[in-house]
Amino acid sequence: MKRLNFTLDESTVELLSDLSEKFYDGNKSQTVRAALESLAAREGHGGWVVAGYTPLRIDHAVSCHTCGLEQLEGNVLFKPVFERGNSPEAIQQIPSEEWVECSVCVESH
């Protein structure tokens, strides 16, 4: 953690206090972080990135998101875990369709 020294005008201080109390249990650091993430996403400098994968035994046939190969019921595939981040590969929103990857594609990423 690093301490930063900011000088804010009174109306900004009040807004920060109001928002932190309303949404973040008074945590001003978390409030500023959320505001910066929101601004970055809105300006196209941030989005959702794959932070890792979790194994998943599938109960129906499905295709790998990357290579498109059909995977049979019972296979272990990998479901991406998304987090906010900055990357040339960031996407604006988490996809609503089913997204699984085969082990070959996960290892190549």
PDB file of N, CA and C in Angstrom:
ATOM      1  N   MET A   1       0.856  -1.168   0.000  1.00  0.00           N
ATOM      2  CA  MET A   1       0.000   0.000   0.000  1.00  0.00           C
ATOM      3  C   MET A   1       0.901   1.228   0.000  1.00  0.00           C
ATOM      4  N   LYS A   2       0.468   2.274  -0.685  1.00  0.00           N
ATOM      5  CA  LYS A   2       1.244   3.500  -0.751  1.00  0.00           C
ATOM      6  C   LYS A   2       0.348   4.676  -0.421  1.00  0.00           C
ATOM      7  N   ARG A   3       0.858   5.600   0.356  1.00  0.00           N
ATOM      8  CA  ARG A   3       0.105   6.790   0.735  1.00  0.00           C
ATOM      9  C   ARG A   3       0.355   7.873  -0.306  1.00  0.00           C
ATOM     10  N   LEU A   4      -0.742   8.479  -0.794  1.00  0.00           N
ATOM     11  CA  LEU A   4      -0.674   9.593  -1.728  1.00  0.00           C
ATOM     12  C   LEU A   4      -1.287  10.816  -1.067  1.00  0.00           C
ATOM     13  N   ASN A   5      -0.753  11.953  -1.365  1.00  0.00           N
ATOM     14  CA  ASN A   5      -1.245  13.192  -0.776  1.00  0.00           C
ATOM     15  C   ASN A   5      -2.005  13.975  -1.850  1.00  0.00           C
ATOM     16  N   PHE A   6      -3.305  14.137  -1.663  1.00  0.00           N
ATOM     17  CA  PHE A   6      -4.149  14.875  -2.595  1.00  0.00           C
ATOM     18  C   PHE A   6      -4.719  16.109  -1.911  1.00  0.00           C
ATOM     19  N   THR A   7      -4.895  17.157  -2.675  1.00  0.00           N
ATOM     20  CA  THR A   7      -5.631  18.320  -2.206  1.00  0.00           C
ATOM     21  C   THR A   7      -6.908  18.377  -3.043  1.00  0.00           C
ATOM     22  N   LEU A   8      -8.042  18.228  -2.371  1.00  0.00           N
ATOM     23  CA  LEU A   8      -9.331  18.200  -3.051  1.00  0.00           C
ATOM     24  C   LEU A   8     -10.174  19.381  -2.584  1.00  0.00           C
ATOM     25  N   ASP A   9     -10.989  19.904  -3.499  1.00  0.00           N
ATOM     26  CA  ASP A   9     -11.888  20.982  -3.098  1.00  0.00           C
ATOM     27  C   ASP A   9     -12.994  20.416  -2.209  1.00  0.00           C
ATOM     28  N   GLU A  10     -13.668  21.296  -1.502  1.00  0.00           N
ATOM     29  CA  GLU A  10     -14.658  20.880  -0.498  1.00  0.00           C
ATOM     30  C   GLU A  10     -15.788  20.050  -1.100  1.00  0.00           C
ATOM     31  N   SER A  11     -16.285  20.412  -2.281  1.00  0.00           N
ATOM     32  CA  SER A  11     -17.400  19.657  -2.875  1.00  0.00           C
ATOM     33  C   SER A  11     -16.947  18.247  -3.272  1.00  0.00           C
ATOM     34  N   THR A  12     -15.702  18.084  -3.688  1.00  0.00           N
ATOM     35  CA  THR A  12     -15.181  16.753  -4.023  1.00  0.00           C
ATOM     36  C   THR A  12     -15.026  15.914  -2.768  1.00  0.00           C
ATOM     37  N   VAL A  13     -14.572  16.524  -1.688  1.00  0.00           N
ATOM     38  CA  VAL A  13     -14.439  15.822  -0.406  1.00  0.00           C
ATOM     39  C   VAL A  13     -15.806  15.344   0.066  1.00  0.00           C
ATOM     40  N   GLU A  14     -16.812  16.181  -0.049  1.00  0.00           N
ATOM     41  CA  GLU A  14     -18.175  15.808   0.357  1.00  0.00           C
ATOM     42  C   GLU A  14     -18.703  14.671  -0.513  1.00  0.00           C
ATOM     43  N   LEU A  15     -18.473  14.764  -1.827  1.00  0.00           N
ATOM     44  CA  LEU A  15     -18.924  13.713  -2.732  1.00  0.00           C
ATOM     45  C   LEU A  15     -18.246  12.387  -2.400  1.00  0.00           C
ATOM     46  N   LEU A  16     -16.940  12.412  -2.172  1.00  0.00           N
ATOM     47  CA  LEU A  16     -16.200  11.211  -1.807  1.00  0.00           C
ATOM     48  C   LEU A  16     -16.746  10.612  -0.513  1.00  0.00           C
ATOM     49  N   SER A  17     -16.992  11.439   0.463  1.00  0.00           N
ATOM     50  CA  SER A  17     -17.538  10.959   1.737  1.00  0.00           C
ATOM     51  C   SER A  17     -18.918  10.350   1.554  1.00  0.00           C
ATOM     52  N   ASP A  18     -19.784  11.039   0.807  1.00  0.00           N
ATOM     53  CA  ASP A  18     -21.144  10.533   0.574  1.00  0.00           C
ATOM     54  C   ASP A  18     -21.124   9.185  -0.146  1.00  0.00           C
ATOM     55  N   LEU A  19     -20.329   9.099  -1.213  1.00  0.00           N
ATOM     56  CA  LEU A  19     -20.275   7.856  -1.980  1.00  0.00           C
ATOM     57  C   LEU A  19     -19.665   6.714  -1.175  1.00  0.00           C
ATOM     58  N   SER A  20     -18.629   7.022  -0.417  1.00  0.00           N
ATOM     59  CA  SER A  20     -17.990   5.957   0.368  1.00  0.00           C
ATOM     60  C   SER A  20     -18.933   5.429   1.448  1.00  0.00           C
ATOM     61  N   GLU A  21     -19.694   6.299   2.063  1.00  0.00           N
ATOM     62  CA  GLU A  21     -20.669   5.859   3.077  1.00  0.00           C
ATOM     63  C   GLU A  21     -21.803   5.062   2.440  1.00  0.00           C
ATOM     64  N   LYS A  22     -22.285   5.535   1.307  1.00  0.00           N
ATOM     65  CA  LYS A  22     -23.440   4.909   0.656  1.00  0.00           C
ATOM     66  C   LYS A  22     -23.112   3.536   0.064  1.00  0.00           C
ATOM     67  N   PHE A  23     -21.934   3.411  -0.561  1.00  0.00           N
ATOM     68  CA  PHE A  23     -21.639   2.196  -1.311  1.00  0.00           C
ATOM     69  C   PHE A  23     -20.514   1.335  -0.746  1.00  0.00           C
ATOM     70  N   TYR A  24     -19.603   1.900   0.041  1.00  0.00           N
ATOM     71  CA  TYR A  24     -18.400   1.162   0.429  1.00  0.00           C
ATOM     72  C   TYR A  24     -18.116   1.201   1.931  1.00  0.00           C
ATOM     73  N   ASP A  25     -19.152   1.281   2.739  1.00  0.00           N
ATOM     74  CA  ASP A  25     -19.009   1.269   4.204  1.00  0.00           C
ATOM     75  C   ASP A  25     -17.960   2.255   4.694  1.00  0.00           C
ATOM     76  N   GLY A  26     -17.881   3.410   4.060  1.00  0.00           N
ATOM     77  CA  GLY A  26     -16.967   4.461   4.486  1.00  0.00           C
ATOM     78  C   GLY A  26     -15.532   4.310   3.998  1.00  0.00           C
ATOM     79  N   ASN A  27     -15.260   3.300   3.194  1.00  0.00           N
ATOM     80  CA  ASN A  27     -13.901   3.054   2.709  1.00  0.00           C
ATOM     81  C   ASN A  27     -13.622   3.972   1.512  1.00  0.00           C
ATOM     82  N   LYS A  28     -12.916   5.060   1.766  1.00  0.00           N
ATOM     83  CA  LYS A  28     -12.650   6.054   0.722  1.00  0.00           C
ATOM     84  C   LYS A  28     -11.688   5.531  -0.339  1.00  0.00           C
ATOM     85  N   SER A  29     -10.747   4.704   0.062  1.00  0.00           N
ATOM     86  CA  SER A  29      -9.805   4.125  -0.901  1.00  0.00           C
ATOM     87  C   SER A  29     -10.540   3.252  -1.917  1.00  0.00           C
ATOM     88  N   GLN A  30     -11.445   2.424  -1.424  1.00  0.00           N
ATOM     89  CA  GLN A  30     -12.232   1.565  -2.307  1.00  0.00           C
ATOM     90  C   GLN A  30     -13.125   2.400  -3.221  1.00  0.00           C
ATOM     91  N   THR A  31     -13.643   3.504  -2.706  1.00  0.00           N
ATOM     92  CA  THR A  31     -14.496   4.399  -3.502  1.00  0.00           C
ATOM     93  C   THR A  31     -13.696   5.017  -4.649  1.00  0.00           C
ATOM     94  N   VAL A  32     -12.500   5.501  -4.353  1.00  0.00           N
ATOM     95  CA  VAL A  32     -11.651   6.099  -5.389  1.00  0.00           C
ATOM     96  C   VAL A  32     -11.268   5.044  -6.423  1.00  0.00           C
ATOM     97  N   ARG A  33     -10.939   3.833  -5.972  1.00  0.00           N
ATOM     98  CA  ARG A  33     -10.583   2.758  -6.905  1.00  0.00           C
ATOM     99  C   ARG A  33     -11.737   2.457  -7.846  1.00  0.00           C
ATOM    100  N   ALA A  34     -12.939   2.323  -7.309  1.00  0.00           N
ATOM    101  CA  ALA A  34     -14.115   2.024  -8.138  1.00  0.00           C
ATOM    102  C   ALA A  34     -14.362   3.147  -9.149  1.00  0.00           C
ATOM    103  N   ALA A  35     -14.184   4.382  -8.711  1.00  0.00           N
ATOM    104  CA  ALA A  35     -14.383   5.521  -9.613  1.00  0.00           C
ATOM    105  C   ALA A  35     -13.352   5.504 -10.740  1.00  0.00           C
ATOM    106  N   LEU A  36     -12.105   5.196 -10.418  1.00  0.00           N
ATOM    107  CA  LEU A  36     -11.063   5.144 -11.440  1.00  0.00           C
ATOM    108  C   LEU A  36     -11.287   3.990 -12.414  1.00  0.00           C
ATOM    109  N   GLU A  37     -11.708   2.833 -11.899  1.00  0.00           N
ATOM    110  CA  GLU A  37     -12.009   1.695 -12.769  1.00  0.00           C
ATOM    111  C   GLU A  37     -13.164   2.028 -13.704  1.00  0.00           C
ATOM    112  N   SER A  38     -14.174   2.683 -13.173  1.00  0.00           N
ATOM    113  CA  SER A  38     -15.326   3.071 -13.981  1.00  0.00           C
ATOM    114  C   SER A  38     -14.920   4.050 -15.074  1.00  0.00           C
ATOM    115  N   LEU A  39     -14.107   5.016 -14.719  1.00  0.00           N
ATOM    116  CA  LEU A  39     -13.629   5.992 -15.694  1.00  0.00           C
ATOM    117  C   LEU A  39     -12.789   5.314 -16.775  1.00  0.00           C
ATOM    118  N   ALA A  40     -11.884   4.430 -16.383  1.00  0.00           N
ATOM    119  CA  ALA A  40     -11.029   3.738 -17.347  1.00  0.00           C
ATOM    120  C   ALA A  40     -11.856   2.899 -18.308  1.00  0.00           C
ATOM    121  N   ALA A  41     -12.855   2.190 -17.789  1.00  0.00           N
ATOM    122  CA  ALA A  41     -13.699   1.366 -18.644  1.00  0.00           C
ATOM    123  C   ALA A  41     -14.498   2.233 -19.611  1.00  0.00           C
ATOM    124  N   ARG A  42     -15.016   3.337 -19.112  1.00  0.00           N
ATOM    125  CA  ARG A  42     -15.812   4.230 -19.956  1.00  0.00           C
ATOM    126  C   ARG A  42     -14.967   4.853 -21.055  1.00  0.00           C
ATOM    127  N   GLU A  43     -13.727   5.141 -20.754  1.00  0.00           N
ATOM    128  CA  GLU A  43     -12.838   5.778 -21.722  1.00  0.00           C
ATOM    129  C   GLU A  43     -12.146   4.773 -22.634  1.00  0.00           C
ATOM    130  N   GLY A  44     -12.438   3.488 -22.465  1.00  0.00           N
ATOM    131  CA  GLY A  44     -11.854   2.478 -23.328  1.00  0.00           C
ATOM    132  C   GLY A  44     -10.458   2.049 -22.932  1.00  0.00           C
ATOM    133  N   HIS A  45     -10.030   2.392 -21.729  1.00  0.00           N
ATOM    134  CA  HIS A  45      -8.695   2.024 -21.285  1.00  0.00           C
ATOM    135  C   HIS A  45      -8.722   0.843 -20.328  1.00  0.00           C
ATOM    136  N   GLY A  46      -9.833   0.257 -20.143  1.00  0.00           N
ATOM    137  CA  GLY A  46      -9.921  -0.877 -19.231  1.00  0.00           C
ATOM    138  C   GLY A  46     -11.041  -1.786 -19.676  1.00  0.00           C
ATOM    139  N   GLY A  47     -11.143  -2.908 -19.056  1.00  0.00           N
ATOM    140  CA  GLY A  47     -12.192  -3.851 -19.391  1.00  0.00           C
ATOM    141  C   GLY A  47     -12.018  -5.107 -18.578  1.00  0.00           C
ATOM    142  N   TRP A  48     -12.591  -6.169 -19.053  1.00  0.00           N
ATOM    143  CA  TRP A  48     -12.508  -7.455 -18.371  1.00  0.00           C
ATOM    144  C   TRP A  48     -11.413  -8.281 -19.016  1.00  0.00           C
ATOM    145  N   VAL A  49     -10.549  -8.846 -18.195  1.00  0.00           N
ATOM    146  CA  VAL A  49      -9.489  -9.715 -18.674  1.00  0.00           C
ATOM    147  C   VAL A  49      -9.598 -11.063 -17.962  1.00  0.00           C
ATOM    148  N   VAL A  50      -9.078 -12.096 -18.607  1.00  0.00           N
ATOM    149  CA  VAL A  50      -9.080 -13.423 -17.993  1.00  0.00           C
ATOM    150  C   VAL A  50      -7.944 -13.467 -16.974  1.00  0.00           C
ATOM    151  N   ALA A  51      -8.316 -13.661 -15.713  1.00  0.00           N
ATOM    152  CA  ALA A  51      -7.342 -13.690 -14.625  1.00  0.00           C
ATOM    153  C   ALA A  51      -6.846 -15.106 -14.345  1.00  0.00           C
ATOM    154  N   GLY A  52      -7.584 -16.087 -14.827  1.00  0.00           N
ATOM    155  CA  GLY A  52      -7.224 -17.485 -14.597  1.00  0.00           C
ATOM    156  C   GLY A  52      -8.353 -18.376 -15.069  1.00  0.00           C
ATOM    157  N   TYR A  53      -8.246 -19.651 -14.754  1.00  0.00           N
ATOM    158  CA  TYR A  53      -9.257 -20.613 -15.177  1.00  0.00           C
ATOM    159  C   TYR A  53      -9.585 -21.538 -14.024  1.00  0.00           C
ATOM    160  N   THR A  54     -10.805 -22.031 -14.022  1.00  0.00           N
ATOM    161  CA  THR A  54     -11.221 -23.015 -13.030  1.00  0.00           C
ATOM    162  C   THR A  54     -11.682 -24.270 -13.779  1.00  0.00           C
ATOM    163  N   PRO A  55     -11.288 -25.460 -13.310  1.00  0.00           N
ATOM    164  CA  PRO A  55     -11.689 -26.688 -14.007  1.00  0.00           C
ATOM    165  C   PRO A  55     -13.186 -26.937 -13.858  1.00  0.00           C
ATOM    166  N   LEU A  56     -13.733 -27.553 -14.889  1.00  0.00           N
ATOM    167  CA  LEU A  56     -15.175 -27.806 -14.928  1.00  0.00           C
ATOM    168  C   LEU A  56     -15.426 -29.091 -15.710  1.00  0.00           C
ATOM    169  N   ARG A  57     -16.056 -30.081 -15.061  1.00  0.00           N
ATOM    170  CA  ARG A  57     -16.453 -31.302 -15.783  1.00  0.00           C
ATOM    171  C   ARG A  57     -17.791 -30.999 -16.444  1.00  0.00           C
ATOM    172  N   ILE A  58     -17.821 -31.067 -17.768  1.00  0.00           N
ATOM    173  CA  ILE A  58     -19.029 -30.663 -18.486  1.00  0.00           C
ATOM    174  C   ILE A  58     -20.053 -31.791 -18.517  1.00  0.00           C
ATOM    175  N   ASP A  59     -21.322 -31.398 -18.483  1.00  0.00           N
ATOM    176  CA  ASP A  59     -22.410 -32.376 -18.484  1.00  0.00           C
ATOM    177  C   ASP A  59     -23.162 -32.407 -19.806  1.00  0.00           C
ATOM    178  N   HIS A  60     -22.565 -31.827 -20.844  1.00  0.00           N
ATOM    179  CA  HIS A  60     -23.156 -31.834 -22.179  1.00  0.00           C
ATOM    180  C   HIS A  60     -22.045 -31.533 -23.189  1.00  0.00           C
ATOM    181  N   ALA A  61     -22.272 -31.857 -24.430  1.00  0.00           N
ATOM    182  CA  ALA A  61     -21.281 -31.564 -25.467  1.00  0.00           C
ATOM    183  C   ALA A  61     -21.208 -30.056 -25.672  1.00  0.00           C
ATOM    184  N   VAL A  62     -19.994 -29.555 -25.847  1.00  0.00           N
ATOM    185  CA  VAL A  62     -19.779 -28.121 -26.023  1.00  0.00           C
ATOM    186  C   VAL A  62     -18.495 -27.941 -26.828  1.00  0.00           C
ATOM    187  N   SER A  63     -18.343 -26.795 -27.467  1.00  0.00           N
ATOM    188  CA  SER A  63     -17.137 -26.518 -28.245  1.00  0.00           C
ATOM    189  C   SER A  63     -16.206 -25.587 -27.465  1.00  0.00           C
ATOM    190  N   CYS A  64     -14.913 -25.783 -27.641  1.00  0.00           N
ATOM    191  CA  CYS A  64     -13.911 -24.912 -27.035  1.00  0.00           C
ATOM    192  C   CYS A  64     -14.054 -23.524 -27.635  1.00  0.00           C
ATOM    193  N   HIS A  65     -14.008 -22.507 -26.797  1.00  0.00           N
ATOM    194  CA  HIS A  65     -14.177 -21.120 -27.234  1.00  0.00           C
ATOM    195  C   HIS A  65     -13.091 -20.700 -28.225  1.00  0.00           C
ATOM    196  N   THR A  66     -11.862 -21.160 -28.017  1.00  0.00           N
ATOM    197  CA  THR A  66     -10.742 -20.718 -28.844  1.00  0.00           C
ATOM    198  C   THR A  66     -10.580 -21.529 -30.123  1.00  0.00           C
ATOM    199  N   CYS A  67     -10.448 -22.856 -29.999  1.00  0.00           N
ATOM    200  CA  CYS A  67     -10.172 -23.671 -31.188  1.00  0.00           C
ATOM    201  C   CYS A  67     -11.423 -24.204 -31.858  1.00  0.00           C
ATOM    202  N   GLY A  68     -12.556 -24.206 -31.135  1.00  0.00           N
ATOM    203  CA  GLY A  68     -13.813 -24.653 -31.716  1.00  0.00           C
ATOM    204  C   GLY A  68     -14.019 -26.151 -31.733  1.00  0.00           C
ATOM    205  N   LEU A  69     -13.059 -26.935 -31.242  1.00  0.00           N
ATOM    206  CA  LEU A  69     -13.217 -28.389 -31.248  1.00  0.00           C
ATOM    207  C   LEU A  69     -14.305 -28.807 -30.270  1.00  0.00           C
ATOM    208  N   GLU A  70     -15.156 -29.726 -30.718  1.00  0.00           N
ATOM    209  CA  GLU A  70     -16.243 -30.208 -29.861  1.00  0.00           C
ATOM    210  C   GLU A  70     -15.673 -31.063 -28.737  1.00  0.00           C
ATOM    211  N   GLN A  71     -16.169 -30.831 -27.550  1.00  0.00           N
ATOM    212  CA  GLN A  71     -15.766 -31.570 -26.363  1.00  0.00           C
ATOM    213  C   GLN A  71     -16.966 -32.365 -25.875  1.00  0.00           C
ATOM    214  N   LEU A  72     -16.747 -33.621 -25.527  1.00  0.00           N
ATOM    215  CA  LEU A  72     -17.840 -34.504 -25.145  1.00  0.00           C
ATOM    216  C   LEU A  72     -18.190 -34.403 -23.670  1.00  0.00           C
ATOM    217  N   GLU A  73     -19.414 -34.791 -23.367  1.00  0.00           N
ATOM    218  CA  GLU A  73     -19.879 -34.833 -21.979  1.00  0.00           C
ATOM    219  C   GLU A  73     -18.902 -35.633 -21.127  1.00  0.00           C
ATOM    220  N   GLY A  74     -18.580 -35.135 -19.944  1.00  0.00           N
ATOM    221  CA  GLY A  74     -17.670 -35.810 -19.033  1.00  0.00           C
ATOM    222  C   GLY A  74     -16.243 -35.298 -19.109  1.00  0.00           C
ATOM    223  N   ASN A  75     -15.890 -34.600 -20.194  1.00  0.00           N
ATOM    224  CA  ASN A  75     -14.542 -34.035 -20.297  1.00  0.00           C
ATOM    225  C   ASN A  75     -14.353 -32.927 -19.271  1.00  0.00           C
ATOM    226  N   VAL A  76     -13.118 -32.741 -18.836  1.00  0.00           N
ATOM    227  CA  VAL A  76     -12.794 -31.628 -17.953  1.00  0.00           C
ATOM    228  C   VAL A  76     -12.289 -30.482 -18.823  1.00  0.00           C
ATOM    229  N   LEU A  77     -12.998 -29.378 -18.777  1.00  0.00           N
ATOM    230  CA  LEU A  77     -12.607 -28.171 -19.508  1.00  0.00           C
ATOM    231  C   LEU A  77     -12.311 -27.083 -18.488  1.00  0.00           C
ATOM    232  N   PHE A  78     -12.013 -25.894 -18.978  1.00  0.00           N
ATOM    233  CA  PHE A  78     -11.628 -24.808 -18.093  1.00  0.00           C
ATOM    234  C   PHE A  78     -12.462 -23.575 -18.380  1.00  0.00           C
ATOM    235  N   LYS A  79     -13.077 -23.047 -17.336  1.00  0.00           N
ATOM    236  CA  LYS A  79     -13.922 -21.857 -17.428  1.00  0.00           C
ATOM    237  C   LYS A  79     -13.095 -20.645 -17.000  1.00  0.00           C
ATOM    238  N   PRO A  80     -13.092 -19.574 -17.808  1.00  0.00           N
ATOM    239  CA  PRO A  80     -12.296 -18.404 -17.431  1.00  0.00           C
ATOM    240  C   PRO A  80     -12.879 -17.678 -16.222  1.00  0.00           C
ATOM    241  N   VAL A  81     -11.970 -17.099 -15.438  1.00  0.00           N
ATOM    242  CA  VAL A  81     -12.339 -16.237 -14.317  1.00  0.00           C
ATOM    243  C   VAL A  81     -11.935 -14.826 -14.730  1.00  0.00           C
ATOM    244  N   PHE A  82     -12.902 -13.920 -14.761  1.00  0.00           N
ATOM    245  CA  PHE A  82     -12.659 -12.567 -15.232  1.00  0.00           C
ATOM    246  C   PHE A  82     -12.408 -11.611 -14.074  1.00  0.00           C
ATOM    247  N   GLU A  83     -11.585 -10.594 -14.338  1.00  0.00           N
ATOM    248  CA  GLU A  83     -11.404  -9.493 -13.394  1.00  0.00           C
ATOM    249  C   GLU A  83     -11.183  -8.218 -14.203  1.00  0.00           C
ATOM    250  N   ARG A  84     -11.396  -7.088 -13.566  1.00  0.00           N
ATOM    251  CA  ARG A  84     -11.144  -5.812 -14.223  1.00  0.00           C
ATOM    252  C   ARG A  84      -9.650  -5.642 -14.438  1.00  0.00           C
ATOM    253  N   GLY A  85      -9.285  -5.132 -15.590  1.00  0.00           N
ATOM    254  CA  GLY A  85      -7.877  -4.924 -15.853  1.00  0.00           C
ATOM    255  C   GLY A  85      -7.651  -4.125 -17.114  1.00  0.00           C
ATOM    256  N   ASN A  86      -6.408  -3.819 -17.374  1.00  0.00           N
ATOM    257  CA  ASN A  86      -6.001  -3.100 -18.566  1.00  0.00           C
ATOM    258  C   ASN A  86      -5.173  -4.037 -19.428  1.00  0.00           C
ATOM    259  N   SER A  87      -5.531  -4.146 -20.665  1.00  0.00           N
ATOM    260  CA  SER A  87      -4.815  -5.018 -21.574  1.00  0.00           C
ATOM    261  C   SER A  87      -5.316  -4.739 -22.984  1.00  0.00           C
ATOM    262  N   PRO A  88      -4.457  -4.938 -23.971  1.00  0.00           N
ATOM    263  CA  PRO A  88      -4.936  -4.815 -25.352  1.00  0.00           C
ATOM    264  C   PRO A  88      -6.015  -5.844 -25.666  1.00  0.00           C
ATOM    265  N   GLU A  89      -6.059  -6.933 -24.872  1.00  0.00           N
ATOM    266  CA  GLU A  89      -7.043  -7.988 -25.099  1.00  0.00           C
ATOM    267  C   GLU A  89      -8.272  -7.850 -24.202  1.00  0.00           C
ATOM    268  N   ALA A  90      -8.387  -6.741 -23.472  1.00  0.00           N
ATOM    269  CA  ALA A  90      -9.536  -6.544 -22.571  1.00  0.00           C
ATOM    270  C   ALA A  90     -10.816  -6.461 -23.391  1.00  0.00           C
ATOM    271  N   ILE A  91     -11.872  -7.019 -22.820  1.00  0.00           N
ATOM    272  CA  ILE A  91     -13.188  -6.938 -23.454  1.00  0.00           C
ATOM    273  C   ILE A  91     -14.085  -6.035 -22.615  1.00  0.00           C
ATOM    274  N   GLN A  92     -15.035  -5.380 -23.245  1.00  0.00           N
ATOM    275  CA  GLN A  92     -15.872  -4.402 -22.558  1.00  0.00           C
ATOM    276  C   GLN A  92     -16.843  -5.023 -21.567  1.00  0.00           C
ATOM    277  N   GLN A  93     -17.340  -6.227 -21.872  1.00  0.00           N
ATOM    278  CA  GLN A  93     -18.270  -6.857 -20.941  1.00  0.00           C
ATOM    279  C   GLN A  93     -18.056  -8.363 -20.942  1.00  0.00           C
ATOM    280  N   ILE A  94     -18.392  -8.982 -19.835  1.00  0.00           N
ATOM    281  CA  ILE A  94     -18.261 -10.430 -19.730  1.00  0.00           C
ATOM    282  C   ILE A  94     -19.278 -11.063 -20.670  1.00  0.00           C
ATOM    283  N   PRO A  95     -18.829 -12.009 -21.503  1.00  0.00           N
ATOM    284  CA  PRO A  95     -19.747 -12.633 -22.465  1.00  0.00           C
ATOM    285  C   PRO A  95     -20.888 -13.376 -21.770  1.00  0.00           C
ATOM    286  N   SER A  96     -22.052 -13.331 -22.362  1.00  0.00           N
ATOM    287  CA  SER A  96     -23.205 -14.024 -21.784  1.00  0.00           C
ATOM    288  C   SER A  96     -23.285 -15.475 -22.265  1.00  0.00           C
ATOM    289  N   GLU A  97     -22.600 -15.796 -23.364  1.00  0.00           N
ATOM    290  CA  GLU A  97     -22.628 -17.172 -23.856  1.00  0.00           C
ATOM    291  C   GLU A  97     -21.682 -18.053 -23.049  1.00  0.00           C
ATOM    292  N   GLU A  98     -21.892 -19.355 -23.167  1.00  0.00           N
ATOM    293  CA  GLU A  98     -21.040 -20.308 -22.467  1.00  0.00           C
ATOM    294  C   GLU A  98     -19.613 -20.198 -23.009  1.00  0.00           C
ATOM    295  N   TRP A  99     -18.637 -20.082 -22.126  1.00  0.00           N
ATOM    296  CA  TRP A  99     -17.246 -19.936 -22.530  1.00  0.00           C
ATOM    297  C   TRP A  99     -16.417 -20.945 -21.759  1.00  0.00           C
ATOM    298  N   VAL A 100     -15.934 -21.956 -22.446  1.00  0.00           N
ATOM    299  CA  VAL A 100     -15.028 -22.936 -21.861  1.00  0.00           C
ATOM    300  C   VAL A 100     -13.864 -23.139 -22.822  1.00  0.00           C
ATOM    301  N   GLU A 101     -12.738 -23.530 -22.279  1.00  0.00           N
ATOM    302  CA  GLU A 101     -11.528 -23.749 -23.068  1.00  0.00           C
ATOM    303  C   GLU A 101     -11.028 -25.176 -22.822  1.00  0.00           C
ATOM    304  N   CYS A 102     -10.481 -25.790 -23.867  1.00  0.00           N
ATOM    305  CA  CYS A 102      -9.854 -27.097 -23.691  1.00  0.00           C
ATOM    306  C   CYS A 102      -8.471 -26.901 -23.075  1.00  0.00           C
ATOM    307  N   SER A 103      -7.879 -27.975 -22.588  1.00  0.00           N
ATOM    308  CA  SER A 103      -6.584 -27.863 -21.908  1.00  0.00           C
ATOM    309  C   SER A 103      -5.482 -27.380 -22.848  1.00  0.00           C
ATOM    310  N   VAL A 104      -5.539 -27.747 -24.113  1.00  0.00           N
ATOM    311  CA  VAL A 104      -4.513 -27.314 -25.070  1.00  0.00           C
ATOM    312  C   VAL A 104      -4.556 -25.800 -25.234  1.00  0.00           C
ATOM    313  N   CYS A 105      -5.737 -25.233 -25.371  1.00  0.00           N
ATOM    314  CA  CYS A 105      -5.870 -23.788 -25.542  1.00  0.00           C
ATOM    315  C   CYS A 105      -5.498 -23.020 -24.267  1.00  0.00           C
ATOM    316  N   VAL A 106      -5.878 -23.561 -23.101  1.00  0.00           N
ATOM    317  CA  VAL A 106      -5.529 -22.912 -21.835  1.00  0.00           C
ATOM    318  C   VAL A 106      -4.008 -22.867 -21.681  1.00  0.00           C
ATOM    319  N   GLU A 107      -3.343 -23.956 -21.982  1.00  0.00           N
ATOM    320  CA  GLU A 107      -1.893 -24.008 -21.846  1.00  0.00           C
ATOM    321  C   GLU A 107      -1.189 -23.095 -22.851  1.00  0.00           C
ATOM    322  N   SER A 108      -1.794 -22.862 -24.002  1.00  0.00           N
ATOM    323  CA  SER A 108      -1.163 -21.991 -25.006  1.00  0.00           C
ATOM    324  C   SER A 108      -1.332 -20.511 -24.668  1.00  0.00           C
ATOM    325  N   HIS A 109      -2.280 -20.205 -23.773  1.00  0.00           N
ATOM    326  CA  HIS A 109      -2.458 -18.812 -23.356  1.00  0.00           C
ATOM    327  C   HIS A 109      -1.478 -18.508 -22.270  1.00  0.00           C
TER     328      HIS A 109
END
